[in-house]
């Protein structure tokens, strides 16, 4: 995997801490890009329901080398498809955007999905108005396989 030299690491968000997410994703526009259905102000109950480990979802916090939380990502099972995992709720702090940190996060999530879940495909949803994210995903190897209005479904084979 490519090293993007940010020194990011992911840590399972156990026990599930939504307060750190609220602090990171404080901007309403960012919250909308991460999850268009998210309520603003931040609704902890809504996020706990979506990230509930009882449903098989694994939430990860992203940290820099100096232990600052700078992002989030989650891996969720895909109903009826044991070979795939859904990448959800991706967020990178503004100061790290457009500098390879998103691809580094995706690389870390892909590695975790492959090693601990044994999947061969990652899928994700992105809105067409989130051009920065679409570009990041494309550079990481995701390809569109379905489109409905502004919603794109993208996939990447895990090697």
Protein backbone atom coordinates (compact mmCIF):
# COMPACT_ATOMS: atom_id res chain seq x y z
CA UNK A 1 0.00 0.00 0.00
CA UNK A 2 1.15 3.51 -0.73
CA UNK A 3 2.51 5.60 2.14
CA UNK A 4 1.02 9.08 2.11
CA UNK A 5 3.38 10.21 4.89
CA UNK A 6 0.76 11.62 7.25
CA UNK A 7 1.42 8.92 9.81
CA UNK A 8 -2.29 8.38 10.33
CA UNK A 9 -3.54 5.42 12.30
CA UNK A 10 -7.02 4.09 12.91
CA UNK A 11 -8.31 2.85 16.24
CA UNK A 12 -11.59 1.07 16.80
CA UNK A 13 -14.04 3.46 18.43
CA UNK A 14 -14.84 1.18 21.38
CA UNK A 15 -16.77 1.94 23.45
CA UNK A 16 -18.56 3.98 20.82
CA UNK A 17 -17.77 7.66 21.44
CA UNK A 18 -20.00 10.02 19.48
CA UNK A 19 -18.82 13.08 21.42
CA UNK A 20 -15.49 13.01 19.59
CA UNK A 21 -17.40 12.83 16.31
CA UNK A 22 -19.52 15.81 17.27
CA UNK A 23 -16.37 17.81 18.06
CA UNK A 24 -14.65 16.82 14.81
CA UNK A 25 -17.64 17.24 12.50
CA UNK A 26 -18.89 20.51 13.98
CA UNK A 27 -19.42 22.29 10.67
CA UNK A 28 -22.99 21.69 9.35
CA UNK A 29 -21.76 21.55 5.74
CA UNK A 30 -19.20 18.88 6.63
CA UNK A 31 -21.83 16.94 8.56
CA UNK A 32 -24.09 17.00 5.49
CA UNK A 33 -21.28 15.74 3.25
CA UNK A 34 -20.39 12.92 5.66
CA UNK A 35 -24.03 11.86 6.04
CA UNK A 36 -26.74 13.80 4.19
CA UNK A 37 -29.44 12.39 6.49
CA UNK A 38 -27.63 13.44 9.68
CA UNK A 39 -29.54 15.82 11.89
CA UNK A 40 -28.04 19.16 12.85
CA UNK A 41 -27.26 19.93 15.56
CA UNK A 42 -25.43 16.64 16.00
CA UNK A 43 -27.81 13.92 17.19
CA UNK A 44 -25.90 11.37 19.29
CA UNK A 45 -28.77 8.89 19.34
CA UNK A 46 -29.00 8.93 15.53
CA UNK A 47 -25.26 8.28 15.18
CA UNK A 48 -25.22 5.57 17.85
CA UNK A 49 -28.00 3.74 16.00
CA UNK A 50 -26.08 3.87 12.69
CA UNK A 51 -22.72 2.90 14.21
CA UNK A 52 -24.12 0.22 16.52
CA UNK A 53 -21.58 -2.61 16.79
CA UNK A 54 -24.46 -5.03 17.41
CA UNK A 55 -25.28 -4.59 13.69
CA UNK A 56 -21.72 -5.53 12.71
CA UNK A 57 -20.57 -1.96 12.08
CA UNK A 58 -17.04 -1.08 13.15
CA UNK A 59 -16.37 2.61 13.77
CA UNK A 60 -12.78 3.89 13.57
CA UNK A 61 -11.27 7.12 14.79
CA UNK A 62 -8.30 8.48 12.86
CA UNK A 63 -5.34 9.90 14.76
CA UNK A 64 -2.18 11.73 13.76
CA UNK A 65 1.24 10.82 15.14
CA UNK A 66 0.74 13.36 17.93
CA UNK A 67 -2.53 11.64 18.96
CA UNK A 68 -4.91 14.31 17.63
CA UNK A 69 -8.22 12.93 16.33
CA UNK A 70 -8.50 14.06 12.71
CA UNK A 71 -11.01 11.75 11.10
CA UNK A 72 -13.47 8.91 11.10
CA UNK A 73 -14.49 5.97 8.98
CA UNK A 74 -16.68 2.94 9.47
CA UNK A 75 -16.97 -0.51 7.93
CA UNK A 76 -20.41 -2.10 7.80
CA UNK A 77 -21.59 -5.47 6.54
CA UNK A 78 -23.58 -5.59 3.32
CA UNK A 79 -26.80 -7.57 3.74
CA UNK A 80 -26.64 -10.77 1.72
CA UNK A 81 -23.07 -10.21 0.48
CA UNK A 82 -20.31 -11.72 2.62
CA UNK A 83 -17.63 -10.73 0.11
CA UNK A 84 -18.30 -6.99 0.42
CA UNK A 85 -18.15 -4.35 3.11
CA UNK A 86 -19.60 -0.83 3.02
CA UNK A 87 -17.25 2.05 3.79
CA UNK A 88 -19.29 4.71 5.61
CA UNK A 89 -19.11 8.06 7.36
CA UNK A 90 -15.70 9.10 6.05
CA UNK A 91 -14.36 12.34 7.45
CA UNK A 92 -10.95 14.03 7.37
CA UNK A 93 -10.21 17.33 9.11
CA UNK A 94 -10.07 20.32 6.74
CA UNK A 95 -6.35 20.92 7.29
CA UNK A 96 -5.55 17.46 5.89
CA UNK A 97 -7.87 17.53 2.88
CA UNK A 98 -6.47 17.44 -0.66
CA UNK A 99 -3.14 16.27 0.74
CA UNK A 100 -3.52 12.48 0.49
CA UNK A 101 -4.99 11.91 3.95
CA UNK A 102 -8.29 10.64 2.54
CA UNK A 103 -6.49 8.03 0.45
CA UNK A 104 -4.39 7.11 3.48
CA UNK A 105 -7.57 6.59 5.51
CA UNK A 106 -9.07 4.48 2.73
CA UNK A 107 -5.88 2.41 2.62
CA UNK A 108 -6.06 1.76 6.35
CA UNK A 109 -9.75 0.81 6.14
CA UNK A 110 -9.10 -1.47 3.15
CA UNK A 111 -6.31 -3.23 5.00
CA UNK A 112 -8.51 -3.72 8.07
CA UNK A 113 -11.44 -4.98 5.96
CA UNK A 114 -9.24 -7.48 4.17
CA UNK A 115 -7.39 -8.74 7.26
CA UNK A 116 -10.23 -8.92 9.76
CA UNK A 117 -13.32 -9.34 7.60
CA UNK A 118 -11.87 -11.30 4.67
CA UNK A 119 -13.76 -9.30 2.05
CA UNK A 120 -12.86 -8.93 -1.60
CA UNK A 121 -14.82 -5.77 -2.37
CA UNK A 122 -15.36 -2.37 -0.80
CA UNK A 123 -18.43 -0.34 -1.68
CA UNK A 124 -19.45 3.16 -0.75
CA UNK A 125 -22.03 5.81 -1.48
CA UNK A 126 -21.19 9.38 -2.43
CA UNK A 127 -23.23 12.31 -3.67
CA UNK A 128 -22.36 13.95 -6.98
CA UNK A 129 -22.15 17.34 -5.24
CA UNK A 130 -19.26 16.03 -3.10
CA UNK A 131 -16.69 16.37 -5.89
CA UNK A 132 -13.66 16.33 -3.59
CA UNK A 133 -14.69 12.95 -2.16
CA UNK A 134 -15.55 11.54 -5.60
CA UNK A 135 -12.08 12.51 -6.84
CA UNK A 136 -10.41 10.95 -3.81
CA UNK A 137 -12.32 7.70 -4.23
CA UNK A 138 -11.54 7.58 -7.95
CA UNK A 139 -7.82 8.09 -7.30
CA UNK A 140 -7.97 5.23 -4.80
CA UNK A 141 -9.44 2.86 -7.40
CA UNK A 142 -13.18 3.07 -6.75
CA UNK A 143 -15.38 2.95 -9.85
CA UNK A 144 -19.02 3.91 -10.24
CA UNK A 145 -21.39 0.98 -10.69
CA UNK A 146 -24.77 2.58 -10.03
CA UNK A 147 -26.33 6.04 -10.06
CA UNK A 148 -29.70 7.30 -8.88
CA UNK A 149 -30.12 11.06 -8.99
CA UNK A 150 -27.25 12.55 -7.01
CA UNK A 151 -26.39 9.23 -5.33
CA UNK A 152 -23.46 7.26 -6.74
CA UNK A 153 -22.55 3.76 -5.69
CA UNK A 154 -18.86 2.99 -6.10
CA UNK A 155 -16.87 -0.20 -5.68
CA UNK A 156 -13.28 -1.34 -5.47
CA UNK A 157 -11.89 -4.83 -5.61
CA UNK A 158 -9.69 -5.62 -2.62
CA UNK A 159 -6.44 -7.20 -3.72
